[in-house]
Protein backbone atom coordinates (compact mmCIF):
# COMPACT_ATOMS: atom_id res chain seq x y z
CA HIS A 1 89.53 69.56 106.05
CA PRO A 2 86.03 68.29 106.30
CA PRO A 3 84.52 67.64 109.52
CA LYS A 4 85.80 64.68 111.45
CA GLN A 5 83.79 62.17 113.45
CA THR A 6 84.20 61.78 117.07
CA THR A 7 86.47 58.78 118.12
CA GLY A 8 88.07 57.76 121.27
CA GLU A 9 91.23 59.30 119.70
CA ASP A 10 89.57 62.85 119.26
CA VAL A 11 88.29 62.11 123.12
CA GLN A 12 91.93 61.59 124.49
CA ALA A 13 92.96 64.57 122.44
CA ASP A 14 90.04 67.00 124.17
CA ASP A 15 90.91 65.21 127.61
CA PHE A 16 94.74 66.29 127.02
CA PHE A 17 93.78 69.94 126.43
CA ARG A 18 90.98 69.76 129.13
CA ASP A 19 93.72 68.49 131.40
CA LEU A 20 95.92 71.11 130.71
CA ASN A 21 93.20 73.77 131.38
CA ARG A 22 92.79 72.02 134.96
CA PRO A 23 93.84 74.48 138.11
CA GLN A 24 97.54 73.32 139.30
CA GLY A 25 96.05 71.58 142.58
CA THR A 26 93.63 69.44 140.59
CA ARG A 27 96.40 67.78 138.34
CA VAL A 28 97.24 63.91 139.14
CA LYS A 29 101.01 63.77 139.97
CA PRO A 30 103.01 60.71 138.06
CA GLU A 31 104.39 59.55 141.61
CA GLU A 32 100.97 59.53 143.04
CA VAL A 33 99.62 56.63 140.54
CA VAL A 34 99.69 53.15 141.82
CA LEU A 35 99.43 50.46 139.56
CA SER A 36 97.46 47.33 140.43
CA SER A 37 98.67 43.83 139.18
CA LYS A 38 95.74 43.51 136.87
CA GLU A 39 96.29 47.18 135.44
CA GLN A 40 100.17 46.08 134.89
CA SER A 41 99.02 43.03 133.28
CA HIS A 42 97.15 44.84 130.75
CA LEU A 43 99.76 47.59 130.28
CA HIS A 44 101.52 46.21 127.14
CA THR A 45 98.22 45.56 125.40
CA LYS A 46 97.03 49.69 126.12
CA THR A 47 100.55 50.52 124.83
CA SER A 48 100.05 49.97 121.07
CA GLU A 49 96.56 51.46 121.60
CA ASN A 50 98.43 54.57 123.17
CA GLU A 51 101.26 54.64 120.47
CA ALA A 52 98.55 54.59 117.76
CA SER A 53 96.36 57.24 119.40
CA ASP A 54 99.47 59.33 120.02
CA ALA A 55 100.26 59.25 116.11
CA ALA A 56 96.38 60.53 115.56
CA TRP A 57 96.73 63.50 118.37
CA GLU A 58 99.90 64.41 116.53
CA ARG A 59 98.27 65.02 113.27
CA ASP A 60 95.22 66.88 114.53
CA PHE A 61 98.09 69.11 116.89
CA ILE A 62 99.67 69.93 113.57
CA TRP A 63 96.43 70.45 111.75
CA TYR A 64 95.81 72.90 114.47
CA ILE A 65 99.31 74.88 114.38
CA TRP A 66 99.29 74.73 110.71
CA ASN A 67 95.88 76.60 110.43
CA THR A 68 96.86 78.99 113.11
CA CYS A 69 100.10 79.95 111.42
CA SER A 70 98.19 80.31 108.10
CA ILE A 71 95.73 82.82 110.23
CA ILE A 72 98.30 84.63 111.53
CA SER A 73 100.10 85.14 108.31
CA ILE A 74 96.97 86.49 106.79
CA ILE A 75 96.67 89.28 109.67
CA ARG A 76 100.22 89.97 109.41
CA PHE A 77 99.70 90.51 105.40
CA PHE A 78 96.55 92.73 106.28
CA ARG A 79 98.56 94.48 108.66
CA LYS A 80 101.58 95.29 106.30
CA TYR A 81 98.98 96.37 103.57
CA LEU A 82 96.86 98.51 105.75
CA GLY A 83 99.99 100.18 107.08
CA ARG A 84 101.39 101.02 103.70
CA ASN A 85 98.15 102.53 102.53
CA SER A 86 98.14 104.70 105.74
CA GLN A 87 101.72 105.57 105.21
CA MET A 88 100.01 106.94 101.47
CA HIS A 89 97.45 108.67 102.98
CA GLN A 90 100.16 110.45 105.45
CA GLU A 91 101.94 111.53 102.66
CA GLU A 92 98.68 112.61 100.76
CA THR A 93 97.71 114.38 103.76
CA PHE A 94 100.90 116.26 103.79
CA LEU A 95 100.56 117.25 100.40
CA PHE A 96 96.86 118.32 101.14
CA PRO A 97 96.49 119.66 104.69
CA GLY A 98 93.40 121.22 103.99
CA ILE A 99 94.52 124.64 103.75
CA ALA A 100 91.20 125.75 101.74
CA ALA A 101 89.01 124.57 104.79
CA GLN A 102 91.58 126.87 107.39
CA VAL A 103 91.27 130.13 104.90
CA PRO A 104 89.79 132.66 107.36
CA LEU A 105 86.40 133.57 106.06
CA LEU A 106 86.18 137.35 104.78
CA ASP A 107 83.14 139.05 105.95
CA THR A 108 80.37 139.50 103.35
CA ASP A 109 81.05 143.62 103.26
CA THR A 110 84.88 142.88 102.73
CA LEU A 111 84.05 140.91 99.86
CA GLN A 112 81.51 142.96 98.07
CA ARG A 113 83.65 145.99 98.64
CA PHE A 114 86.35 144.27 96.79
CA HIS A 115 84.13 143.13 94.23
CA SER A 116 82.51 146.30 93.31
CA LYS A 117 85.71 148.21 93.38
CA TYR A 118 88.41 145.90 91.80
CA VAL A 119 86.39 143.01 89.91
CA ARG A 120 83.31 144.84 88.77
CA VAL A 121 83.92 146.93 85.24
CA PRO A 122 83.04 150.51 86.41
CA SER A 123 80.79 152.26 84.20
CA SER A 124 83.92 155.12 83.23
CA LYS A 125 85.76 152.01 81.64
CA MET A 126 82.54 151.05 79.67
CA TRP A 127 83.91 153.17 76.84
CA LYS A 128 86.67 150.52 76.00
CA GLU A 129 84.06 148.18 74.79
CA GLU A 130 82.16 150.63 72.73
CA PHE A 131 85.54 151.69 71.25
CA LEU A 132 86.51 148.07 69.99
CA GLU A 133 82.93 147.81 68.92
CA GLY A 134 83.09 150.38 66.58
CA PHE A 135 86.95 149.58 65.65
CA ALA A 136 86.09 146.24 65.16
CA ASN A 137 83.23 146.46 62.67
CA ASP A 138 85.49 149.07 60.59
CA LEU A 139 88.77 146.67 60.68
CA LEU A 140 86.71 143.75 59.65
CA ASP A 141 85.04 145.39 56.65
CA ALA A 142 88.51 145.85 55.44
CA MET A 143 89.59 142.63 55.90
CA ARG A 144 86.37 141.19 54.11
CA THR A 145 87.80 143.58 51.03
CA VAL A 146 91.25 142.19 51.14
CA SER A 147 90.09 138.29 52.00
CA ASP A 148 87.75 138.52 48.91
CA LYS A 149 90.47 140.11 46.40
CA ASN A 150 92.78 136.93 47.54
CA GLY A 151 90.10 134.27 46.83
CA GLY A 152 90.46 133.41 50.55
CA MET A 153 87.68 132.57 53.38
CA VAL A 154 84.62 134.22 53.93
CA ILE A 155 84.99 136.41 57.12
CA GLU A 156 81.66 136.61 59.02
CA ASP A 157 80.07 138.96 61.93
CA PHE A 158 82.30 139.23 64.99
CA GLN A 159 81.22 138.33 68.55
CA MET A 160 82.11 140.17 71.29
CA VAL A 161 82.78 137.52 74.10
CA ASP A 162 83.54 140.26 76.71
CA VAL A 163 85.16 143.67 77.01
CA CYS A 164 88.58 142.97 75.36
CA ASN A 165 87.91 139.33 73.76
CA ILE A 166 86.49 139.21 70.01
CA ILE A 167 85.92 136.22 68.03
CA VAL A 168 85.69 136.45 64.16
CA PRO A 169 84.24 133.28 62.69
CA PHE A 170 85.25 132.30 59.23
CA THR A 171 83.74 129.51 56.41
CA PRO A 172 85.29 128.52 52.98
CA PRO A 173 83.67 129.86 50.08
CA ASP A 174 81.27 127.30 48.18
CA PRO A 175 81.68 124.82 47.17
CA CYS A 176 83.85 123.86 50.20
CA SER A 177 82.66 123.17 53.37
CA PHE A 178 84.24 122.12 56.61
CA GLN A 179 83.62 118.67 58.16
CA PHE A 180 84.46 118.14 62.02
CA LEU A 181 85.86 115.07 63.56
CA PHE A 182 86.12 114.18 67.25
CA GLY A 183 87.75 111.66 68.89
CA ASN A 184 90.46 110.89 66.23
CA ASN A 185 92.44 107.65 67.29
CA GLN A 186 95.58 109.21 65.97
CA ALA A 187 95.00 111.95 68.76
CA SER A 188 94.45 109.73 71.91
CA ASP A 189 98.40 109.65 72.98
CA LEU A 190 98.79 113.63 71.87
CA GLN A 191 95.44 115.36 73.39
CA LEU A 192 97.11 115.76 76.94
CA ASP A 193 96.65 119.27 77.29
CA MET A 194 93.50 119.83 74.50
CA GLN A 195 90.94 117.34 76.06
CA VAL A 196 87.99 118.99 74.19
CA CYS A 197 89.03 119.23 70.72
CA GLY A 198 88.68 118.01 67.28
CA GLN A 199 89.99 118.32 63.74
CA ILE A 200 88.36 120.02 60.73
CA LYS A 201 88.36 118.64 57.38
CA LEU A 202 88.01 121.04 54.42
CA LEU A 203 85.63 119.45 51.86
CA GLU A 204 84.49 120.21 48.46
CA LYS A 205 81.22 119.27 46.00
CA ARG A 206 82.53 118.21 42.81
CA ALA A 207 80.60 117.05 39.72
CA ALA A 208 80.58 113.33 39.08
CA THR A 209 81.27 113.68 35.32
CA ASP A 210 81.13 110.06 34.36
CA GLY A 211 83.50 111.01 31.32
CA CYS A 212 80.63 113.30 29.59
CA PRO A 213 82.18 116.66 28.30
CA CYS A 214 78.66 118.36 29.36
CA GLN A 215 79.10 117.69 33.10
CA SER A 216 82.90 119.20 33.18
CA PRO A 217 82.79 122.68 35.05
CA ASP A 218 83.37 124.83 31.83
CA ALA A 219 80.31 122.77 30.09
CA GLU A 220 78.26 126.01 31.02
CA ASP A 221 80.35 128.81 28.82
CA ASP A 222 80.07 126.52 25.74
CA ASP A 223 77.46 125.80 23.07
CA MET A 224 77.08 122.44 23.40
CA VAL A 225 73.92 120.03 22.94
CA CYS A 226 74.41 116.81 24.74
CA LEU A 227 72.17 113.89 23.32
CA LEU A 228 72.88 111.78 26.37
CA HIS A 229 71.70 114.01 28.96
CA CYS A 230 68.89 117.05 28.95
CA GLY A 231 69.71 120.35 29.69
CA ALA A 232 67.16 120.00 33.30
CA GLU A 233 68.94 116.95 34.23
CA LYS A 234 70.93 118.04 37.35
CA VAL A 235 74.47 116.91 37.32
CA LYS A 236 75.71 114.72 39.99
CA VAL A 237 77.92 115.63 42.69
CA LYS A 238 80.35 114.01 45.28
CA VAL A 239 81.93 115.19 48.21
CA CYS A 240 85.82 115.25 48.30
CA ASP A 241 88.48 115.96 50.67
CA VAL A 242 90.74 118.98 49.73
CA PHE A 243 94.45 118.47 49.69
CA ASP A 244 95.74 121.67 48.12
CA ASP A 245 94.32 124.29 50.14
CA PRO A 246 97.04 126.89 51.58
CA LEU A 247 95.46 126.94 54.87
CA CYS A 248 95.55 122.88 55.28
CA VAL A 249 98.65 120.84 56.15
CA LYS A 250 100.75 119.69 53.25
CA ASP A 251 98.81 116.65 51.34
CA SER A 252 96.10 116.44 53.81
CA PRO A 253 92.49 117.80 54.15
CA PHE A 254 92.78 119.23 57.73
CA LEU A 255 92.74 122.52 58.70
CA SER A 256 96.42 123.99 60.03
CA LYS A 257 96.23 126.27 62.90
CA SER A 258 99.74 127.93 62.42
CA LYS A 259 98.97 128.57 58.41
CA VAL A 260 95.44 130.12 59.95
CA ILE A 261 97.55 132.16 62.07
CA ARG A 262 99.80 133.45 59.29
CA TRP A 263 96.80 134.48 56.71
CA PHE A 264 94.70 136.07 59.72
CA GLN A 265 97.67 138.17 60.71
CA SER A 266 98.21 138.98 57.20
CA THR A 267 94.98 140.33 56.36
CA VAL A 268 94.85 142.32 59.77
CA LYS A 269 97.94 144.27 58.40
CA GLN A 270 96.66 144.63 55.18
CA ALA A 271 93.32 145.91 56.31
CA TRP A 272 95.03 148.03 58.71
CA ALA A 273 97.49 149.61 55.90
CA GLN A 274 93.73 150.69 54.17
CA ILE A 275 92.19 152.40 56.96
CA SER A 276 95.12 153.69 59.06
CA HIS A 277 94.79 157.31 58.02
CA LYS A 278 91.38 157.55 59.64
CA TYR A 279 92.77 156.92 63.16
CA GLU A 280 95.29 158.76 65.18
CA PHE A 281 96.71 155.75 66.77
CA GLU A 282 98.84 152.90 66.20
CA LEU A 283 97.81 149.33 65.85
CA ASN A 284 100.43 146.63 66.54
CA ILE A 285 100.42 142.63 67.01
CA ARG A 286 101.50 141.80 70.40
CA TYR A 287 102.41 137.85 70.09
CA ILE A 288 103.41 136.33 66.67
CA ASP A 289 102.18 133.18 67.91
CA ALA A 290 98.67 134.24 68.82
CA PRO A 291 96.44 134.63 65.77
CA GLY A 292 94.48 138.12 66.91
CA ALA A 293 96.42 139.62 70.07
CA LEU A 294 96.39 143.34 69.23
CA VAL A 295 97.14 146.64 70.82
CA VAL A 296 95.88 150.23 70.38
CA ARG A 297 98.35 152.62 71.23
CA PHE A 298 97.47 156.33 71.57
CA ARG A 299 99.60 159.32 71.36
CA SER A 300 98.71 160.17 74.83
CA GLY A 301 100.62 156.99 75.67
CA LYS A 302 97.66 154.84 76.89
CA LYS A 303 97.00 151.77 75.23
CA ILE A 304 94.48 149.07 74.77
CA SER A 305 95.13 145.61 74.80
CA PHE A 306 92.66 143.10 73.16
CA SER A 307 92.06 139.58 71.11
CA MET A 308 90.57 138.98 68.11
CA ASN A 309 90.52 135.78 67.36
CA PRO A 310 89.67 133.41 64.39
CA VAL A 311 87.31 130.72 65.00
CA VAL A 312 85.35 127.90 63.49
CA LYS A 313 81.84 127.49 64.10
CA PHE A 314 80.69 123.93 65.11
CA ASN A 315 76.86 125.25 65.37
CA ASN A 316 75.14 128.17 66.50
CA ASP A 317 76.38 128.05 70.34
CA ALA A 318 79.84 126.31 69.99
CA TYR A 319 83.17 127.13 68.02
CA PHE A 320 86.82 125.89 67.70
CA PHE A 321 89.51 127.97 68.57
CA ILE A 322 93.40 128.42 68.47
CA THR A 323 95.23 127.65 71.64
CA PRO A 324 98.50 130.03 71.57
CA CYS A 325 101.59 128.27 71.84
CA SER A 326 100.42 124.65 70.92
CA PRO A 327 102.75 121.92 70.30
CA THR A 328 103.30 121.32 66.59
CA ASN A 329 102.62 117.82 66.57
CA LEU A 330 98.95 119.21 67.78
CA ASP A 331 98.67 121.45 64.47
CA THR A 332 95.47 119.80 63.10
CA PHE A 333 93.61 119.97 66.54
CA TRP A 334 91.29 123.06 67.29
CA THR A 335 89.97 123.33 70.93
CA LEU A 336 86.01 123.34 71.39
CA SER A 337 84.67 126.34 73.49
CA LEU A 338 81.58 125.97 74.96
CA THR A 339 81.29 129.35 76.01
CA ASN A 340 77.92 130.28 75.07
CA TYR A 341 76.47 126.93 76.49
CA GLU A 342 77.98 127.78 79.88
CA ASP A 343 76.85 131.42 79.79
CA SER A 344 73.41 130.06 79.29
CA PHE A 345 73.77 127.56 81.87
CA PHE A 346 74.49 130.12 84.61
CA LYS A 347 71.60 132.79 83.19
CA ASN A 348 69.06 129.71 83.49
CA ILE A 349 70.31 128.41 86.64
CA SER A 350 70.21 132.18 88.45
CA LYS A 351 66.50 132.09 88.00
CA THR A 352 66.10 129.19 90.62
CA LEU A 353 68.54 131.02 92.90
CA PRO A 354 67.53 133.45 95.80
CA GLU A 355 67.53 137.17 94.37
CA ASN A 356 70.76 138.73 94.09
CA SER A 357 72.26 135.50 94.65
CA CYS A 358 76.23 135.73 95.48
CA HIS A 359 77.03 133.30 92.75
CA SER A 360 78.03 135.84 90.24
CA GLN A 361 80.34 137.90 92.55
CA ILE A 362 81.91 134.48 93.22
CA LEU A 363 82.72 133.76 89.67
CA GLU A 364 83.89 137.22 89.15
CA ILE A 365 86.41 136.99 92.01
CA GLU A 366 87.51 133.34 91.13
CA PHE A 367 86.47 133.76 87.29
CA HIS A 368 89.54 130.83 86.85
CA PHE A 369 87.09 128.24 88.25
CA ARG A 370 84.08 128.34 86.38
CA ALA A 371 83.93 124.80 85.89
CA THR A 372 84.28 124.51 89.71
CA LEU A 373 81.54 127.02 90.34
CA MET A 374 79.10 124.91 87.77
CA HIS A 375 79.65 121.81 89.83
CA LEU A 376 78.91 123.43 93.17
CA LEU A 377 75.74 125.05 91.59
CA LEU A 378 74.27 121.70 90.25
CA THR A 379 75.34 120.01 93.83
CA THR A 380 74.07 122.50 96.22
CA GLU A 381 70.61 123.77 97.27
CA ALA A 382 69.53 126.97 96.19
CA SER A 383 68.81 128.35 99.18
CA GLN A 384 72.28 128.44 100.10
CA TRP A 385 73.46 131.02 97.77
CA LYS A 386 71.91 134.21 99.20
CA PRO A 387 73.78 137.50 99.14
CA GLU A 388 75.19 137.47 102.71
CA GLN A 389 76.57 133.45 102.41
CA VAL A 390 79.10 134.94 99.94
CA ALA A 391 82.18 133.95 102.17
CA TYR A 392 81.08 130.57 102.73
CA ARG A 393 80.50 129.65 98.98
CA LEU A 394 83.58 131.32 98.00
CA GLN A 395 85.25 129.04 100.68
CA ASP A 396 83.21 125.94 99.33
CA LEU A 397 84.71 126.47 95.85
CA LEU A 398 88.28 126.72 97.26
CA VAL A 399 87.99 123.68 98.75
CA PHE A 400 86.45 121.68 95.98
CA MET A 401 89.08 122.97 93.83
CA GLU A 402 91.44 121.80 96.48
CA ARG A 403 89.85 118.43 96.80
CA SER A 404 90.03 118.08 92.74
CA LEU A 405 93.88 119.02 92.88
CA GLN A 406 94.25 116.19 95.31
CA LYS A 407 92.42 113.83 93.44
CA LYS A 408 93.95 115.11 89.96
CA LEU A 409 90.38 114.94 88.93
CA LEU A 410 87.99 117.56 87.46
CA HIS A 411 85.13 116.79 85.38
CA HIS A 412 84.12 119.12 82.57
CA ALA A 413 80.89 120.65 83.76
CA LEU A 414 78.91 120.19 80.64
CA ILE A 415 80.45 117.18 78.59
CA GLY A 416 79.14 113.67 79.87
CA ASN A 417 77.17 115.32 82.87
CA PRO A 418 73.48 114.77 83.32
CA LEU A 419 73.10 117.06 85.53
CA ALA A 420 73.86 119.70 83.22
CA GLY A 421 71.02 118.73 81.00
CA THR A 422 68.31 119.54 83.70
CA VAL A 423 69.35 123.21 83.47
CA ILE A 424 70.31 123.69 79.79
CA GLN A 425 69.43 121.68 76.49
CA LEU A 426 72.56 120.50 75.35
CA PRO A 427 73.18 118.58 71.72
CA ALA A 428 73.17 114.64 72.11
CA TYR A 429 76.76 114.26 71.16
CA PHE A 430 77.53 116.16 74.39
CA THR A 431 75.33 114.74 76.68
CA GLN A 432 76.15 111.15 75.92
CA ALA A 433 79.93 111.74 75.41
CA GLU A 434 82.44 110.36 77.59
CA SER A 435 83.18 112.63 80.82
CA VAL A 436 86.37 114.82 80.40
CA ASN A 437 89.07 115.01 83.09
CA LEU A 438 90.12 118.97 82.78
CA PHE A 439 93.06 117.56 84.79
CA HIS A 440 94.37 115.07 82.43
CA PRO A 441 97.46 117.31 82.10
CA LEU A 442 98.27 116.99 86.06
CA VAL A 443 98.29 113.13 85.74
CA VAL A 444 100.46 112.91 82.92
CA HIS A 445 102.86 115.68 83.81
CA ASN A 446 103.92 115.34 87.42
CA CYS A 447 105.90 118.91 87.25
CA ILE A 448 102.74 120.86 86.02
CA TYR A 449 100.66 119.40 89.01
CA ARG A 450 103.60 120.50 91.34
CA CYS A 451 103.44 124.02 89.78
CA ALA A 452 99.63 124.17 90.09
CA LEU A 453 99.89 122.98 93.68
CA MET A 454 102.08 125.38 94.50
CA HIS A 455 100.44 128.58 92.91
CA PHE A 456 96.97 127.28 94.28
CA GLN A 457 98.46 126.99 97.78
CA GLU A 458 100.15 130.55 97.46
CA MET A 459 96.90 131.67 96.69
CA LEU A 460 95.13 130.25 99.69
CA LYS A 461 97.80 131.75 102.10
CA ASN A 462 97.93 135.29 100.61
CA ALA A 463 94.13 135.87 99.66
CA HIS A 464 93.07 137.08 103.06
CA VAL A 465 96.05 139.49 103.38
CA ILE A 466 95.80 140.80 99.47
CA ILE A 467 91.91 141.45 99.79
CA HIS A 468 92.42 143.59 102.72
CA ASP A 469 95.38 145.44 101.50
CA TYR A 470 93.18 146.21 98.39
CA ILE A 471 90.51 147.37 100.88
CA GLU A 472 92.42 149.28 102.61
CA GLN A 473 94.36 151.32 99.94
CA CYS A 474 90.83 152.22 98.43
CA VAL A 475 89.99 153.36 101.89
CA ASP A 476 92.99 155.32 102.04
CA ASN A 477 92.73 156.69 98.35
CA ALA A 478 89.21 157.98 98.85
CA GLU A 479 90.33 159.70 102.09
CA CYS A 480 93.45 161.55 100.11
CA SER A 481 90.73 162.35 97.55
CA VAL A 482 88.51 164.18 100.29
């Protein structure tokens, strides 16, 4: 309502409210009012004015009441809304009581003894790496022979990611090549558990013959003279999709993970059949659904389990690999690994940290939280990573992971993260990409979320006791050996 000008009616209404606010002893009682004859003569003339004044006052009074009720309604609405949010917050607090921040801190000596005894690979076990490196060389040479005979993929030199993890890149033979597709619209509803992935299309360069026989593939073997094209003229080529390759999905140019698994396992078996006579152990495939999950069994009963997985190189530092037991409707979607970029990240950022910084020990103790540690390193002062601060940084990592679980949000440490570009040089298609939520499966699947939360909380509750038990067991074994 617009502001009203002051009238006699308003003054009377104001007088009414002021009269109500007077002390009880100062109010004028009706029986004490004595009207003079002159006042009585004007009574009837003022009655009509008072009635009009009363009507105006009633309108103003109703206006005040209406606005007051509206304000009260708004207040009640916000109280109800805020109360509901408070209740939701209390439920979240019940689910996430901040266990990580309340975990008893292990002292630095305990953590370092645990790391040196049970995490760091002892020099006595380094023979596994040397053995696997030599055996992989021999096995891959035999696999190349098998693949060449069958006219299959070209197997390149292997790379040891860690002690028991070997990757084997493969490429199509000339004139074929791979093309990589990211963010395919058809996969938007399917990529629930494969957030960083892409499809691999098989292409082939073919001659654009335009109908002339001299440009056919068999023309070089024939004694033919073309009057239209000179011999030095280059044959025009065009790039076409390959729809009939045995490693692609039927009637599709996209590489099939399931078919690659069968091809790779078959090649391993045939190669082992050629060289098995040189070794006094058995080589078996552990899991049918995993492409290169292998185990070596010695006659003594000892065994070495390792992985030799086929991968497709995206560039020198990134590659696509096969995730075991992936859904059949994701058969053409390969997971992208940025492990080499992550290794470069840790190598470069360690140059800015204190000498013998504790970040490497934390990474090896909680190796599943690699991305979380990268986020902490990017957002924490370098001076906070001294060796004696390992317990505090480990607790920070657990708190960060707990909060990420609470939000169901953990961004990829490299993709779409401009801070990572300050440590290592990343290709533009990574730095300019949209940020990826590694916890997206927790958003979609509530059962997975509950399971992850339960396991994380169990780990927090038991970590202190388990580590101390390992340390005590280590001390007892040392005393017994003495």
